[in-house]
Amino acid sequence: METVSHQFAPSAEEILIARENEQDAQRKLELLKEAVSQLGEADRALIEAVYFENISMREYSRRIGVSHSAIVKRRNRILRTLKQYFENI
């Protein structure tokens, strides 16, 4: 039995790759948090609600009293801004 379980144990290389991937994901998350923190209050609230709190854009638009199409346009503008931020770092 020990031989079978040993066959499925990750190699040292696989463990290192997994750690690097985890560190890379953590670094990207920190960069994303930094980018979002630099947005204006209203833009930050929209991104946090839609992407971190899983509130639909339709629901968010109802909550703040703005049309759904306005929220979609704002979200698209914000995402373009964030994309430019990441292209410049």
C-alpha atoms as a PDB file:
ATOM      1  CA  MET A   1       0.000   0.000   0.000  1.00  0.00           C
ATOM      2  CA  GLU A   2       2.758   2.469   0.832  1.00  0.00           C
ATOM      3  CA  THR A   3       4.119   2.210  -2.706  1.00  0.00           C
ATOM      4  CA  VAL A   4       0.762   3.184  -4.199  1.00  0.00           C
ATOM      5  CA  SER A   5       0.350   6.291  -2.044  1.00  0.00           C
ATOM      6  CA  HIS A   6       3.958   7.286  -2.726  1.00  0.00           C
ATOM      7  CA  GLN A   7       3.269   7.204  -6.475  1.00  0.00           C
ATOM      8  CA  PHE A   8       0.712   9.964  -6.062  1.00  0.00           C
ATOM      9  CA  ALA A   9       2.814  12.209  -3.849  1.00  0.00           C
ATOM     10  CA  PRO A  10       3.853  15.444  -5.567  1.00  0.00           C
ATOM     11  CA  SER A  11       7.467  15.788  -6.584  1.00  0.00           C
ATOM     12  CA  ALA A  12       9.676  18.529  -5.156  1.00  0.00           C
ATOM     13  CA  GLU A  13       9.382  20.349  -8.485  1.00  0.00           C
ATOM     14  CA  GLU A  14       5.574  20.195  -8.371  1.00  0.00           C
ATOM     15  CA  ILE A  15       5.587  21.543  -4.815  1.00  0.00           C
ATOM     16  CA  LEU A  16       7.862  24.442  -5.813  1.00  0.00           C
ATOM     17  CA  ILE A  17       5.720  25.255  -8.842  1.00  0.00           C
ATOM     18  CA  ALA A  18       2.577  25.212  -6.690  1.00  0.00           C
ATOM     19  CA  ARG A  19       4.226  27.573  -4.174  1.00  0.00           C
ATOM     20  CA  GLU A  20       5.348  29.924  -6.946  1.00  0.00           C
ATOM     21  CA  ASN A  21       1.847  29.907  -8.426  1.00  0.00           C
ATOM     22  CA  GLU A  22       0.355  30.680  -5.024  1.00  0.00           C
ATOM     23  CA  GLN A  23       2.839  33.504  -4.453  1.00  0.00           C
ATOM     24  CA  ASP A  24       2.116  34.878  -7.928  1.00  0.00           C
ATOM     25  CA  ALA A  25      -1.631  34.772  -7.297  1.00  0.00           C
ATOM     26  CA  GLN A  26      -1.133  36.521  -3.945  1.00  0.00           C
ATOM     27  CA  ARG A  27       1.010  39.222  -5.594  1.00  0.00           C
ATOM     28  CA  LYS A  28      -1.643  39.782  -8.271  1.00  0.00           C
ATOM     29  CA  LEU A  29      -4.348  40.040  -5.629  1.00  0.00           C
ATOM     30  CA  GLU A  30      -2.313  42.671  -3.760  1.00  0.00           C
ATOM     31  CA  LEU A  31      -1.817  44.620  -7.002  1.00  0.00           C
ATOM     32  CA  LEU A  32      -5.547  44.433  -7.692  1.00  0.00           C
ATOM     33  CA  LYS A  33      -6.352  45.696  -4.204  1.00  0.00           C
ATOM     34  CA  GLU A  34      -3.915  48.573  -4.720  1.00  0.00           C
ATOM     35  CA  ALA A  35      -5.439  49.454  -8.100  1.00  0.00           C
ATOM     36  CA  VAL A  36      -8.986  49.360  -6.732  1.00  0.00           C
ATOM     37  CA  SER A  37      -7.973  51.494  -3.749  1.00  0.00           C
ATOM     38  CA  GLN A  38      -6.864  54.224  -6.162  1.00  0.00           C
ATOM     39  CA  LEU A  39     -10.316  54.478  -7.750  1.00  0.00           C
ATOM     40  CA  GLY A  40     -12.735  57.167  -6.707  1.00  0.00           C
ATOM     41  CA  GLU A  41     -15.190  56.282  -3.943  1.00  0.00           C
ATOM     42  CA  ALA A  42     -18.178  55.652  -6.257  1.00  0.00           C
ATOM     43  CA  ASP A  43     -16.118  53.576  -8.706  1.00  0.00           C
ATOM     44  CA  ARG A  44     -14.549  51.568  -5.901  1.00  0.00           C
ATOM     45  CA  ALA A  45     -17.982  50.895  -4.383  1.00  0.00           C
ATOM     46  CA  LEU A  46     -19.275  49.619  -7.731  1.00  0.00           C
ATOM     47  CA  ILE A  47     -16.328  47.270  -8.285  1.00  0.00           C
ATOM     48  CA  GLU A  48     -16.436  45.974  -4.720  1.00  0.00           C
ATOM     49  CA  ALA A  49     -20.189  45.349  -4.902  1.00  0.00           C
ATOM     50  CA  VAL A  50     -20.153  43.597  -8.271  1.00  0.00           C
ATOM     51  CA  TYR A  51     -16.911  41.626  -8.043  1.00  0.00           C
ATOM     52  CA  PHE A  52     -16.286  41.089  -4.342  1.00  0.00           C
ATOM     53  CA  GLU A  53     -19.801  41.028  -2.895  1.00  0.00           C
ATOM     54  CA  ASN A  54     -21.406  39.277  -5.918  1.00  0.00           C
ATOM     55  CA  ILE A  55     -24.174  41.848  -6.289  1.00  0.00           C
ATOM     56  CA  SER A  56     -25.582  41.962  -9.800  1.00  0.00           C
ATOM     57  CA  MET A  57     -25.229  45.204 -11.718  1.00  0.00           C
ATOM     58  CA  ARG A  58     -29.014  45.351 -12.024  1.00  0.00           C
ATOM     59  CA  GLU A  59     -29.405  45.071  -8.243  1.00  0.00           C
ATOM     60  CA  TYR A  60     -26.636  47.610  -7.661  1.00  0.00           C
ATOM     61  CA  SER A  61     -28.296  50.062 -10.055  1.00  0.00           C
ATOM     62  CA  ARG A  62     -31.569  49.703  -8.113  1.00  0.00           C
ATOM     63  CA  ARG A  63     -29.782  50.242  -4.786  1.00  0.00           C
ATOM     64  CA  ILE A  64     -28.178  53.507  -5.820  1.00  0.00           C
ATOM     65  CA  GLY A  65     -31.007  54.726  -8.058  1.00  0.00           C
ATOM     66  CA  VAL A  66     -29.131  54.776 -11.364  1.00  0.00           C
ATOM     67  CA  SER A  67     -30.113  53.077 -14.621  1.00  0.00           C
ATOM     68  CA  HIS A  68     -28.666  49.664 -15.381  1.00  0.00           C
ATOM     69  CA  SER A  69     -27.135  50.952 -18.620  1.00  0.00           C
ATOM     70  CA  ALA A  70     -25.344  53.723 -16.698  1.00  0.00           C
ATOM     71  CA  ILE A  71     -23.858  51.110 -14.341  1.00  0.00           C
ATOM     72  CA  VAL A  72     -22.733  48.970 -17.279  1.00  0.00           C
ATOM     73  CA  LYS A  73     -21.050  51.971 -18.898  1.00  0.00           C
ATOM     74  CA  ARG A  74     -19.378  52.951 -15.617  1.00  0.00           C
ATOM     75  CA  ARG A  75     -18.187  49.402 -15.030  1.00  0.00           C
ATOM     76  CA  ASN A  76     -16.715  49.217 -18.543  1.00  0.00           C
ATOM     77  CA  ARG A  77     -14.906  52.531 -18.036  1.00  0.00           C
ATOM     78  CA  ILE A  78     -13.538  51.377 -14.684  1.00  0.00           C
ATOM     79  CA  LEU A  79     -12.330  48.080 -16.167  1.00  0.00           C
ATOM     80  CA  ARG A  80     -10.541  49.989 -18.947  1.00  0.00           C
ATOM     81  CA  THR A  81      -8.876  52.140 -16.270  1.00  0.00           C
ATOM     82  CA  LEU A  82      -7.783  49.063 -14.309  1.00  0.00           C
ATOM     83  CA  LYS A  83      -6.477  47.427 -17.484  1.00  0.00           C
ATOM     84  CA  GLN A  84      -4.353  50.494 -18.219  1.00  0.00           C
ATOM     85  CA  TYR A  85      -3.070  50.435 -14.645  1.00  0.00           C
ATOM     86  CA  PHE A  86      -1.859  46.861 -15.049  1.00  0.00           C
ATOM     87  CA  GLU A  87      -0.371  47.537 -18.480  1.00  0.00           C
ATOM     88  CA  ASN A  88       1.744  50.325 -16.955  1.00  0.00           C
ATOM     89  CA  ILE A  89       3.200  48.410 -14.016  1.00  0.00           C
END
